[in-house]
N, C-alpha and C. Protein backbone atom coordinates (compact mmCIF):
# COMPACT_ATOMS: atom_id res chain seq x y z
N MET A 1 116.96 103.33 98.87
CA MET A 1 116.18 103.64 99.44
C MET A 1 114.92 104.11 98.86
N LEU A 2 113.85 104.45 99.81
CA LEU A 2 112.81 104.52 99.58
C LEU A 2 111.68 105.45 100.28
N ARG A 3 110.79 106.19 99.21
CA ARG A 3 109.87 107.58 99.76
C ARG A 3 108.71 107.16 100.00
N LEU A 4 108.07 106.87 101.17
CA LEU A 4 106.42 106.44 101.24
C LEU A 4 106.08 107.61 101.88
N PHE A 5 104.92 108.33 101.60
CA PHE A 5 104.22 109.09 102.28
C PHE A 5 104.89 110.29 103.06
N GLY A 6 106.07 110.52 101.99
CA GLY A 6 107.34 111.46 102.67
C GLY A 6 108.07 111.24 104.09
N ASP A 7 108.54 109.63 104.32
CA ASP A 7 109.21 108.99 104.91
C ASP A 7 110.14 108.25 103.73
N VAL A 8 111.11 108.36 104.14
CA VAL A 8 112.65 107.96 103.78
C VAL A 8 113.59 107.31 104.49
N TYR A 9 113.51 105.45 104.06
CA TYR A 9 113.96 104.76 104.61
C TYR A 9 114.67 103.52 103.80
N SER A 10 116.06 103.03 104.04
CA SER A 10 116.28 102.15 103.41
C SER A 10 116.05 100.34 103.97
N ILE A 11 116.45 99.83 103.29
CA ILE A 11 115.90 97.63 103.50
C ILE A 11 117.28 97.48 104.23
N GLY A 12 117.08 96.35 104.92
CA GLY A 12 118.20 95.53 105.72
C GLY A 12 118.08 96.01 107.00
N GLY A 13 119.05 96.05 107.87
CA GLY A 13 119.32 96.51 109.08
C GLY A 13 118.94 95.75 110.60
N GLY A 14 119.08 94.14 110.23
CA GLY A 14 118.92 92.91 111.15
C GLY A 14 117.66 92.05 110.65
N LYS A 15 118.12 90.94 111.36
CA LYS A 15 117.53 89.62 111.28
C LYS A 15 115.96 89.99 111.47
N TYR A 16 115.70 90.93 112.62
CA TYR A 16 114.25 90.98 112.97
C TYR A 16 113.70 92.45 112.63
N THR A 17 114.08 92.99 111.92
CA THR A 17 114.07 94.14 111.51
C THR A 17 112.34 94.09 110.92
N GLU A 18 112.59 93.31 110.15
CA GLU A 18 111.05 93.51 108.96
C GLU A 18 109.91 92.97 109.72
N LEU A 19 110.49 91.85 110.88
CA LEU A 19 108.88 91.08 111.75
C LEU A 19 108.66 92.12 112.53
N PHE A 20 109.72 93.07 113.00
CA PHE A 20 109.33 94.35 113.91
C PHE A 20 108.37 95.12 112.78
N HIS A 21 108.46 95.59 111.94
CA HIS A 21 107.76 96.48 111.15
C HIS A 21 106.11 95.90 110.86
N LEU A 22 106.68 94.75 110.49
CA LEU A 22 105.02 93.73 109.81
C LEU A 22 104.49 93.82 111.45
N PHE A 23 104.88 93.52 112.81
CA PHE A 23 104.33 93.55 114.15
C PHE A 23 103.36 95.07 113.98
N ILE A 24 104.41 95.99 114.02
CA ILE A 24 103.52 97.26 114.66
C ILE A 24 102.57 97.55 113.63
N SER A 25 102.71 97.25 112.13
CA SER A 25 101.47 97.53 111.22
C SER A 25 100.23 96.80 111.34
N TRP A 26 100.59 95.43 112.12
CA TRP A 26 99.29 94.67 112.09
C TRP A 26 98.45 95.33 112.97
N LEU A 27 99.30 95.73 114.13
CA LEU A 27 98.68 96.07 115.56
C LEU A 27 97.93 97.04 114.95
N VAL A 28 98.38 98.32 114.34
CA VAL A 28 97.54 99.42 113.85
C VAL A 28 96.50 99.03 113.02
N LEU A 29 96.91 98.07 112.24
CA LEU A 29 95.54 97.75 111.31
C LEU A 29 94.54 96.60 112.04
N THR A 30 94.89 96.37 113.00
CA THR A 30 93.67 95.53 113.86
C THR A 30 93.19 96.30 114.24
N PHE A 31 93.40 97.65 114.96
CA PHE A 31 93.22 98.32 116.02
C PHE A 31 91.71 99.23 114.82
N ILE A 32 92.46 99.74 113.87
CA ILE A 32 91.40 100.60 112.77
C ILE A 32 90.40 99.56 112.33
N PHE A 33 90.81 98.42 112.01
CA PHE A 33 89.82 97.29 111.72
C PHE A 33 88.76 97.15 112.51
N SER A 34 89.18 97.19 113.90
CA SER A 34 88.17 96.41 114.89
C SER A 34 87.45 98.08 115.93
N LEU A 35 87.92 99.44 115.41
CA LEU A 35 87.37 100.18 115.74
C LEU A 35 85.98 100.61 116.52
N ARG A 36 85.22 100.36 115.11
CA ARG A 36 84.05 100.89 115.40
C ARG A 36 83.07 100.03 116.12
N PHE A 37 83.66 98.48 116.53
CA PHE A 37 82.93 97.80 117.34
C PHE A 37 83.79 97.78 118.74
N ILE A 38 85.02 98.42 118.83
CA ILE A 38 85.21 98.55 120.19
C ILE A 38 84.79 99.93 120.71
N ILE A 39 84.05 100.69 120.12
CA ILE A 39 83.60 102.04 120.43
C ILE A 39 82.23 101.96 120.99
N SER A 40 81.52 100.92 120.09
CA SER A 40 80.34 100.35 120.55
C SER A 40 80.08 99.26 121.71
N GLU A 41 81.48 99.20 122.52
CA GLU A 41 81.27 98.48 123.57
C GLU A 41 82.87 98.19 124.18
N PRO A 42 83.10 99.66 124.58
CA PRO A 42 84.48 99.70 124.93
C PRO A 42 84.81 98.92 126.31
N LEU A 43 86.05 98.67 126.91
CA LEU A 43 86.35 97.99 128.17
C LEU A 43 85.29 96.81 128.38
N SER A 44 85.01 96.12 127.61
CA SER A 44 84.54 94.76 128.15
C SER A 44 85.23 93.46 127.98
N LEU A 45 84.83 92.21 127.67
CA LEU A 45 85.69 90.98 127.59
C LEU A 45 84.77 90.81 125.70
N GLY A 46 83.67 91.18 125.24
CA GLY A 46 83.26 91.38 124.05
C GLY A 46 84.75 91.77 123.33
N THR A 47 84.91 93.43 123.73
CA THR A 47 86.04 94.14 122.92
C THR A 47 87.12 93.12 122.70
N LEU A 48 87.72 92.53 123.78
CA LEU A 48 89.00 92.15 123.56
C LEU A 48 88.79 90.68 122.69
N ILE A 49 87.79 90.01 122.55
CA ILE A 49 87.13 89.02 122.10
C ILE A 49 87.23 89.62 120.38
N ILE A 50 86.72 90.44 120.58
CA ILE A 50 86.71 91.09 118.98
C ILE A 50 87.79 91.65 118.61
N PHE A 51 88.83 92.17 119.35
CA PHE A 51 90.03 92.94 119.08
C PHE A 51 90.64 91.38 118.41
N GLY A 52 91.06 90.48 119.29
CA GLY A 52 91.49 88.87 118.94
C GLY A 52 91.10 88.56 117.61
N ILE A 53 89.93 88.34 117.33
CA ILE A 53 89.20 87.64 116.22
C ILE A 53 89.71 88.76 114.79
N PHE A 54 89.73 90.04 115.07
CA PHE A 54 90.01 91.10 114.47
C PHE A 54 91.99 91.00 113.99
N GLY A 55 92.34 90.87 114.83
CA GLY A 55 93.97 90.68 114.90
C GLY A 55 94.15 89.24 113.95
N ILE A 56 93.52 88.27 114.25
CA ILE A 56 93.83 86.86 113.39
C ILE A 56 93.60 86.97 111.47
N ILE A 57 92.52 87.89 111.68
CA ILE A 57 91.65 87.59 110.48
C ILE A 57 92.67 88.93 110.00
N VAL A 58 92.85 90.18 110.46
CA VAL A 58 93.44 91.40 109.52
C VAL A 58 95.35 90.34 109.57
N GLY A 59 95.58 89.79 110.44
CA GLY A 59 97.22 89.25 110.39
C GLY A 59 97.08 88.44 109.11
N THR A 60 96.32 87.90 108.74
CA THR A 60 96.59 86.62 107.80
C THR A 60 96.31 87.47 106.38
N GLY A 61 94.96 88.33 106.61
CA GLY A 61 95.12 88.99 105.19
C GLY A 61 96.16 90.03 105.08
N PHE A 62 96.69 90.81 105.85
CA PHE A 62 97.98 92.03 105.59
C PHE A 62 99.11 91.25 105.43
N VAL A 63 99.37 89.93 106.41
CA VAL A 63 100.49 89.52 106.12
C VAL A 63 100.75 88.43 104.70
N LEU A 64 100.02 87.68 104.58
CA LEU A 64 100.13 87.06 103.30
C LEU A 64 100.13 88.20 102.35
N HIS A 65 99.38 89.13 102.25
CA HIS A 65 99.49 90.05 101.33
C HIS A 65 100.63 90.56 100.64
N GLU A 66 101.53 91.05 102.03
CA GLU A 66 102.79 91.61 101.91
C GLU A 66 104.01 90.62 101.43
N LEU A 67 103.28 88.99 101.84
CA LEU A 67 104.66 88.15 101.77
C LEU A 67 104.28 87.77 100.26
N ALA A 68 102.81 87.69 99.25
CA ALA A 68 102.95 87.38 98.26
C ALA A 68 103.67 88.52 97.50
N HIS A 69 103.77 89.62 97.73
CA HIS A 69 104.60 90.60 97.20
C HIS A 69 106.21 90.18 97.07
N LYS A 70 106.48 89.94 98.71
CA LYS A 70 108.00 89.47 98.53
C LYS A 70 108.64 88.43 97.95
N TYR A 71 107.59 87.83 97.97
CA TYR A 71 108.20 86.42 97.36
C TYR A 71 108.08 86.13 95.83
N SER A 72 106.76 86.92 95.36
CA SER A 72 106.92 87.04 93.99
C SER A 72 107.92 87.62 93.25
N ALA A 73 108.59 88.80 94.31
CA ALA A 73 109.83 89.70 93.86
C ALA A 73 111.16 88.47 93.93
N LYS A 74 111.15 87.54 95.21
CA LYS A 74 112.25 87.04 95.18
C LYS A 74 112.29 85.87 93.77
N TYR A 75 111.18 85.48 93.29
CA TYR A 75 110.85 84.48 92.46
C TYR A 75 111.68 85.13 91.19
N TYR A 76 111.49 86.42 90.95
CA TYR A 76 112.08 87.00 89.77
C TYR A 76 113.50 87.47 90.22
N GLY A 77 114.17 87.17 91.41
CA GLY A 77 115.40 87.55 91.35
C GLY A 77 115.77 88.69 92.00
N HIS A 78 114.92 89.28 92.83
CA HIS A 78 115.02 90.73 93.36
C HIS A 78 115.02 90.77 95.10
N PHE A 79 115.58 91.64 95.63
CA PHE A 79 115.62 91.47 97.05
C PHE A 79 114.20 92.17 97.43
N ALA A 80 113.38 91.86 98.54
CA ALA A 80 112.52 92.26 98.95
C ALA A 80 112.35 92.44 100.51
N GLU A 81 111.90 93.30 101.26
CA GLU A 81 111.54 93.36 102.57
C GLU A 81 110.10 94.59 102.91
N PHE A 82 109.34 93.81 103.54
CA PHE A 82 108.44 94.91 104.26
C PHE A 82 108.89 95.76 105.35
N ARG A 83 108.44 97.28 105.08
CA ARG A 83 109.08 98.28 106.11
C ARG A 83 107.70 99.50 106.07
N MET A 84 107.50 99.30 107.48
CA MET A 84 106.46 100.45 108.05
C MET A 84 106.75 101.73 107.32
N SER A 85 105.76 102.64 107.30
CA SER A 85 105.51 104.13 106.73
C SER A 85 105.25 105.11 108.17
N PRO A 86 106.14 105.37 108.99
CA PRO A 86 105.47 106.42 110.02
C PRO A 86 104.44 106.96 109.81
N GLN A 87 104.56 108.03 108.68
CA GLN A 87 103.36 108.70 108.05
C GLN A 87 102.18 108.23 107.61
N GLY A 88 102.68 106.61 107.32
CA GLY A 88 101.15 106.01 106.76
C GLY A 88 100.51 105.43 108.06
N LEU A 89 101.21 105.00 109.21
CA LEU A 89 100.55 104.73 110.03
C LEU A 89 99.64 105.56 110.97
N ALA A 90 100.59 107.17 111.16
CA ALA A 90 99.68 108.05 111.50
C ALA A 90 98.46 108.36 110.86
N LEU A 91 98.50 108.80 109.62
CA LEU A 91 97.44 108.49 108.76
C LEU A 91 95.81 107.74 108.95
N ALA A 92 96.52 106.61 109.03
CA ALA A 92 95.37 105.38 109.05
C ALA A 92 94.74 105.78 110.46
N LEU A 93 95.52 105.88 111.75
CA LEU A 93 95.16 105.88 112.93
C LEU A 93 94.03 107.28 112.58
N ILE A 94 94.59 108.58 112.50
CA ILE A 94 94.48 109.51 112.05
C ILE A 94 92.65 109.58 111.60
N ILE A 95 92.72 109.19 110.36
CA ILE A 95 91.45 108.70 109.75
C ILE A 95 90.45 107.98 110.32
N SER A 96 90.75 106.92 110.80
CA SER A 96 90.42 105.75 111.55
C SER A 96 89.36 106.62 112.55
N ILE A 97 89.91 107.17 113.64
CA ILE A 97 89.24 107.94 114.85
C ILE A 97 88.65 109.02 114.43
N ALA A 98 89.06 110.02 113.42
CA ALA A 98 88.32 110.80 112.96
C ALA A 98 86.30 110.53 112.37
N THR A 99 86.94 108.71 111.81
CA THR A 99 85.54 108.52 111.14
C THR A 99 85.23 107.73 112.25
N PHE A 100 85.61 107.58 113.22
CA PHE A 100 84.98 106.46 114.18
C PHE A 100 84.72 105.07 113.59
N GLY A 101 86.23 105.04 112.67
CA GLY A 101 86.10 103.58 112.36
C GLY A 101 85.31 103.34 110.80
N GLN A 102 84.57 104.21 110.29
CA GLN A 102 83.87 104.11 109.20
C GLN A 102 84.64 104.01 107.81
N PHE A 103 85.91 104.69 107.80
CA PHE A 103 86.99 104.52 106.77
C PHE A 103 88.22 103.92 107.33
N ILE A 104 88.82 103.36 106.62
CA ILE A 104 90.08 102.65 106.90
C ILE A 104 91.20 102.61 105.85
N PHE A 105 92.19 103.36 105.97
CA PHE A 105 93.16 103.72 105.35
C PHE A 105 94.47 102.71 105.47
N ALA A 106 94.18 101.95 104.80
CA ALA A 106 94.92 100.38 104.97
C ALA A 106 96.35 100.65 103.98
N ALA A 107 97.25 101.60 104.48
CA ALA A 107 98.55 101.34 103.98
C ALA A 107 99.41 101.69 104.98
N PRO A 108 99.89 100.95 105.86
CA PRO A 108 100.66 101.27 106.59
C PRO A 108 102.35 101.23 106.34
N GLY A 109 102.60 100.30 105.37
CA GLY A 109 103.62 100.55 104.63
C GLY A 109 103.85 99.64 103.45
N ALA A 110 104.95 99.21 102.89
CA ALA A 110 105.06 98.70 101.59
C ALA A 110 106.43 97.92 101.62
N THR A 111 105.82 96.73 100.89
CA THR A 111 107.16 95.90 100.44
C THR A 111 108.18 96.58 99.37
N VAL A 112 109.40 97.00 100.25
CA VAL A 112 110.40 97.67 99.18
C VAL A 112 111.20 96.54 98.49
N ILE A 113 111.14 96.98 97.14
CA ILE A 113 111.92 95.80 96.38
C ILE A 113 113.19 96.73 95.64
N ILE A 114 114.35 95.85 96.05
CA ILE A 114 115.60 96.55 95.41
C ILE A 114 115.79 95.44 93.82
N PRO A 115 115.82 96.14 92.91
CA PRO A 115 115.98 95.01 91.79
C PRO A 115 117.29 94.25 91.45
N ARG A 116 117.64 93.22 91.18
CA ARG A 116 118.57 92.35 91.12
C ARG A 116 119.91 93.21 90.47
N GLY A 117 119.55 93.77 89.61
CA GLY A 117 120.63 94.94 88.51
C GLY A 117 120.27 96.22 88.99
N SER A 118 120.14 96.58 90.24
CA SER A 118 120.23 98.06 90.48
C SER A 118 121.60 98.69 90.77
N ILE A 119 122.07 97.76 91.07
CA ILE A 119 123.77 98.47 90.82
C ILE A 119 123.99 98.30 89.93
N PHE A 120 123.59 98.12 88.58
CA PHE A 120 124.37 98.16 87.06
C PHE A 120 123.39 99.23 86.15
N GLY A 121 122.11 99.87 87.14
CA GLY A 121 121.33 100.76 86.28
C GLY A 121 120.01 100.30 85.57
N PHE A 122 119.97 98.65 86.13
CA PHE A 122 118.61 98.20 85.44
C PHE A 122 117.89 97.95 86.44
N GLY A 123 116.33 98.18 86.37
CA GLY A 123 115.37 98.10 87.38
C GLY A 123 114.53 96.85 87.36
N LEU A 124 112.79 97.18 87.78
CA LEU A 124 112.10 96.17 87.53
C LEU A 124 111.31 96.54 85.97
N THR A 125 111.07 95.16 85.28
CA THR A 125 110.54 95.36 84.11
C THR A 125 108.80 95.86 84.60
N ARG A 126 108.37 96.87 83.49
CA ARG A 126 107.00 97.00 83.97
C ARG A 126 106.01 95.76 84.22
N ARG A 127 106.18 94.74 83.64
CA ARG A 127 105.24 93.36 83.62
C ARG A 127 105.51 92.72 84.97
N GLU A 128 106.84 92.74 85.54
CA GLU A 128 107.39 92.21 86.32
C GLU A 128 106.67 92.77 87.93
N ASN A 129 106.83 94.49 87.80
CA ASN A 129 106.37 95.22 88.86
C ASN A 129 104.59 94.94 88.74
N GLY A 130 104.20 94.98 88.00
CA GLY A 130 102.73 95.00 87.63
C GLY A 130 102.27 93.30 88.30
N ILE A 131 102.79 92.55 87.67
CA ILE A 131 102.87 91.19 88.41
C ILE A 131 102.81 91.05 89.88
N ILE A 132 103.95 91.22 90.30
CA ILE A 132 104.27 91.46 91.89
C ILE A 132 103.30 92.58 92.64
N ALA A 133 102.82 93.27 92.21
CA ALA A 133 101.69 94.07 92.85
C ALA A 133 100.55 93.21 92.78
N ALA A 134 99.99 92.59 91.63
CA ALA A 134 98.67 92.30 91.82
C ALA A 134 98.67 91.18 92.35
N LEU A 135 99.80 90.34 93.18
CA LEU A 135 99.38 89.04 93.66
C LEU A 135 98.76 89.38 95.13
N GLY A 136 99.27 90.78 95.37
CA GLY A 136 98.73 91.07 96.72
C GLY A 136 97.36 91.12 97.12
N PRO A 137 96.67 91.53 96.32
CA PRO A 137 95.20 92.03 95.97
C PRO A 137 94.72 90.76 95.40
N ILE A 138 95.16 89.74 94.83
CA ILE A 138 94.57 88.68 94.44
C ILE A 138 95.01 87.78 95.95
N THR A 139 95.86 87.66 96.47
CA THR A 139 95.83 86.86 97.58
C THR A 139 94.81 87.13 98.50
N ASN A 140 94.28 88.57 98.69
CA ASN A 140 93.12 88.73 99.68
C ASN A 140 91.78 88.62 98.81
N LEU A 141 91.56 88.73 97.48
CA LEU A 141 90.23 88.07 96.91
C LEU A 141 90.28 86.43 97.31
N ILE A 142 91.31 85.62 97.35
CA ILE A 142 91.26 84.36 97.46
C ILE A 142 91.06 84.46 98.94
N LEU A 143 91.56 84.75 99.67
CA LEU A 143 91.02 84.64 101.00
C LEU A 143 89.88 85.07 101.39
N ALA A 144 89.25 85.93 100.91
CA ALA A 144 87.96 86.52 101.04
C ALA A 144 86.49 85.43 100.57
N GLY A 145 87.77 84.74 99.52
CA GLY A 145 86.42 83.60 98.69
C GLY A 145 86.25 82.10 99.90
N VAL A 146 87.66 82.25 100.99
CA VAL A 146 87.64 81.11 101.79
C VAL A 146 86.52 81.40 103.06
N PHE A 147 87.00 82.85 103.69
CA PHE A 147 86.21 83.15 104.49
C PHE A 147 84.37 83.32 104.15
N TYR A 148 84.25 83.83 103.04
CA TYR A 148 82.66 83.34 102.69
C TYR A 148 82.18 82.01 102.72
N ILE A 149 82.87 80.96 102.50
CA ILE A 149 82.50 79.90 102.83
C ILE A 149 82.01 79.39 104.26
N LEU A 150 83.23 80.10 104.74
CA LEU A 150 82.67 80.02 106.65
C LEU A 150 81.34 80.54 107.05
N THR A 151 80.41 81.64 106.03
CA THR A 151 79.39 82.32 106.40
C THR A 151 78.34 81.43 105.84
N PHE A 152 78.57 80.35 105.48
CA PHE A 152 77.23 79.13 105.20
C PHE A 152 77.24 77.92 106.45
N LEU A 153 78.14 77.98 107.34
CA LEU A 153 78.09 77.24 108.24
C LEU A 153 77.48 77.31 109.42
N ASN A 154 76.53 76.23 109.35
CA ASN A 154 75.12 76.48 110.92
C ASN A 154 76.42 76.58 112.05
N ILE A 155 77.11 77.62 112.26
CA ILE A 155 78.08 77.71 113.57
C ILE A 155 78.01 79.58 113.56
N PRO A 156 77.20 80.13 114.91
CA PRO A 156 77.13 81.31 114.70
C PRO A 156 78.62 82.52 114.57
N LEU A 157 79.53 81.41 115.36
CA LEU A 157 80.98 81.80 115.57
C LEU A 157 81.41 82.05 114.33
N LEU A 158 81.72 81.29 113.80
CA LEU A 158 82.29 80.90 112.49
C LEU A 158 81.57 81.62 110.96
N GLN A 159 80.08 81.82 111.36
CA GLN A 159 79.69 82.79 110.34
C GLN A 159 80.00 84.45 110.80
N SER A 160 80.43 84.62 111.93
CA SER A 160 80.95 86.00 112.05
C SER A 160 82.38 86.07 111.45
N ILE A 161 82.94 85.14 112.01
CA ILE A 161 84.58 84.79 111.48
C ILE A 161 84.27 85.31 110.03
N GLY A 162 83.81 84.38 109.43
CA GLY A 162 83.28 84.39 107.72
C GLY A 162 82.69 85.88 107.21
N ASN A 163 81.85 86.57 107.87
CA ASN A 163 81.82 87.83 107.84
C ASN A 163 82.75 89.18 107.79
N ILE A 164 83.52 88.85 108.86
CA ILE A 164 84.74 89.71 109.52
C ILE A 164 85.74 89.38 108.18
N GLY A 165 86.21 88.33 107.96
CA GLY A 165 87.12 88.01 107.01
C GLY A 165 86.91 88.31 105.95
N LEU A 166 85.45 88.10 105.44
CA LEU A 166 85.19 88.37 103.75
C LEU A 166 85.65 90.10 103.73
N PHE A 167 84.81 90.53 104.61
CA PHE A 167 84.79 92.45 104.46
C PHE A 167 86.57 92.33 104.67
N VAL A 168 87.33 92.32 105.71
CA VAL A 168 88.73 93.20 105.89
C VAL A 168 89.38 92.67 104.49
N ASN A 169 89.34 91.44 103.98
CA ASN A 169 90.01 91.20 102.67
C ASN A 169 89.85 91.85 101.06
N LEU A 170 88.54 91.61 101.37
CA LEU A 170 87.70 92.92 100.32
C LEU A 170 88.29 94.04 100.20
N TRP A 171 88.38 94.45 101.51
CA TRP A 171 88.48 96.12 101.49
C TRP A 171 90.23 96.01 101.40
N LEU A 172 91.03 95.02 102.08
CA LEU A 172 92.36 95.06 101.33
C LEU A 172 92.63 95.51 100.00
N ALA A 173 92.03 94.15 99.51
CA ALA A 173 91.94 94.03 98.08
C ALA A 173 91.47 95.65 97.33
N ALA A 174 90.18 96.05 97.73
CA ALA A 174 89.87 97.24 96.88
C ALA A 174 90.63 98.56 97.18
N PHE A 175 90.86 98.69 98.65
CA PHE A 175 91.90 99.91 98.53
C PHE A 175 92.96 99.60 97.88
N ASN A 176 93.81 98.67 98.31
CA ASN A 176 95.16 98.51 97.34
C ASN A 176 95.39 98.75 95.60
N LEU A 177 94.06 98.23 95.43
CA LEU A 177 93.60 98.63 93.66
C LEU A 177 93.59 99.97 93.16
N ILE A 178 93.29 100.65 93.87
CA ILE A 178 93.16 102.32 93.80
C ILE A 178 94.38 102.76 93.15
N PRO A 179 94.05 103.39 91.86
CA PRO A 179 95.30 103.60 90.99
C PRO A 179 96.03 104.79 91.37
N ILE A 180 96.54 105.24 92.38
CA ILE A 180 97.56 106.30 92.63
C ILE A 180 98.65 105.87 93.75
N GLY A 181 99.37 106.46 93.57
CA GLY A 181 100.17 106.69 94.30
C GLY A 181 101.25 105.56 94.15
N VAL A 182 101.85 105.01 95.48
CA VAL A 182 102.25 103.81 95.68
C VAL A 182 101.58 102.51 95.85
N LEU A 183 100.40 102.64 95.76
CA LEU A 183 99.37 101.58 95.79
C LEU A 183 99.42 100.75 94.98
N ASP A 184 99.38 99.30 95.11
CA ASP A 184 99.33 98.21 94.13
C ASP A 184 98.64 98.30 92.47
N GLY A 185 97.63 99.55 92.87
CA GLY A 185 96.78 99.62 91.44
C GLY A 185 97.38 100.40 90.22
N ALA A 186 98.37 101.39 91.14
CA ALA A 186 98.98 102.25 89.87
C ALA A 186 99.89 101.20 89.06
N LYS A 187 100.68 100.04 89.92
CA LYS A 187 101.53 99.35 89.11
C LYS A 187 100.84 98.48 88.23
N VAL A 188 99.21 97.67 88.77
CA VAL A 188 98.88 97.17 87.99
C VAL A 188 98.06 97.81 86.31
N LEU A 189 97.84 99.04 86.71
CA LEU A 189 97.38 99.28 85.70
C LEU A 189 98.43 100.12 84.68
N SER A 190 99.23 100.33 84.99
CA SER A 190 100.61 100.62 84.22
C SER A 190 100.82 99.71 83.64
N TRP A 191 100.74 98.58 84.17
CA TRP A 191 101.04 97.53 83.45
C TRP A 191 99.95 96.51 82.21
N ASN A 192 99.11 96.54 82.89
CA ASN A 192 97.57 95.93 81.83
C ASN A 192 96.31 96.70 82.55
N ILE A 193 95.81 97.02 81.93
CA ILE A 193 94.32 97.93 82.12
C ILE A 193 93.53 96.58 82.12
N ILE A 194 93.73 95.80 81.26
CA ILE A 194 92.44 94.57 81.59
C ILE A 194 92.53 94.07 82.83
N ILE A 195 93.50 93.29 83.44
CA ILE A 195 93.78 93.06 84.57
C ILE A 195 93.64 93.55 85.81
N TRP A 196 93.86 94.91 85.49
CA TRP A 196 93.64 95.75 86.61
C TRP A 196 92.13 95.80 86.79
N ALA A 197 91.26 96.22 85.52
CA ALA A 197 90.07 96.34 85.84
C ALA A 197 89.48 95.08 86.10
N LEU A 198 89.46 93.65 85.81
CA LEU A 198 88.98 92.66 86.28
C LEU A 198 89.12 92.68 87.44
N LEU A 199 90.39 92.68 88.32
CA LEU A 199 90.69 93.05 89.77
C LEU A 199 89.88 93.82 90.66
N ALA A 200 90.13 95.15 90.07
CA ALA A 200 89.54 96.34 90.49
C ALA A 200 88.20 96.56 90.79
N ILE A 201 87.06 96.29 89.68
CA ILE A 201 86.07 96.87 89.66
C ILE A 201 85.13 95.82 90.38
N PRO A 202 85.10 94.23 90.33
CA PRO A 202 84.66 93.53 91.27
C PRO A 202 85.02 94.19 92.86
N SER A 203 86.01 94.39 93.31
CA SER A 203 86.49 94.44 94.64
C SER A 203 85.92 95.81 95.18
N TRP A 204 85.95 96.73 94.12
CA TRP A 204 84.90 97.98 94.90
C TRP A 204 83.43 97.82 94.66
N ALA A 205 82.84 96.89 93.74
CA ALA A 205 81.61 96.96 93.83
C ALA A 205 81.22 95.79 95.09
N LEU A 206 81.96 94.68 95.34
CA LEU A 206 81.74 94.06 96.65
C LEU A 206 81.77 94.66 97.87
N VAL A 207 82.78 95.43 97.92
CA VAL A 207 83.24 96.22 99.41
C VAL A 207 81.66 97.03 99.26
N ILE A 208 81.52 97.82 98.18
CA ILE A 208 80.09 98.58 98.33
C ILE A 208 78.81 97.95 98.41
N TYR A 209 78.84 96.81 98.20
CA TYR A 209 77.40 96.03 98.24
C TYR A 209 77.48 95.79 99.73
N LEU A 210 78.80 95.25 100.26
CA LEU A 210 78.66 94.80 101.63
C LEU A 210 78.56 96.05 102.87
N ILE A 211 78.87 97.10 102.31
CA ILE A 211 78.49 98.32 102.94
C ILE A 211 77.37 98.98 103.30
N LEU A 212 76.34 98.58 101.80
CA LEU A 212 74.83 99.03 101.28
C LEU A 212 74.48 97.78 102.58
N ILE A 213 74.69 96.81 102.49
CA ILE A 213 73.63 95.51 102.82
C ILE A 213 73.26 95.44 104.39
């Protein structure tokens, strides 16, 4: 069982349960990331194109982030599946709409991990938990670097995709590295403050820079 933003639920429940949870979370994240652009140009072909671009970029950053958690947990022998949080999704929508898309609460759920020795009273080690948590933001930072390369291409569409992908992935990394609650930052900080600082501080600085320029 997991408690996240007040929601309590278990993992398992069918072959496609995790895919359904990922799909709903992806749709919500795509909407909140693209909202400020949709507001400026509602009900137009441009809005559909923007939503589609954000859908691909957010899908890549969000899904690969969660898969990094899932398969690193499996590497250590633990069972892991993504589960959305209804309260987290609602909070994300409320905050985004209230701020007209200017602030993105990027915590629609979490990859739930059941340690391999849980039935015997054993859990994740602090090191394992820290590494598993760190690999999500690290994945986003790598993707941000890939999208950054696109900004140098002399093709306007690819430059736009590069700029959007750069911001989305830096935001996902920076937000998740906040060291509070169930976010990745709290687990990484608990394991190794130096690694947390090396990941968090540059991520936050780059996001602030992109917002200000």
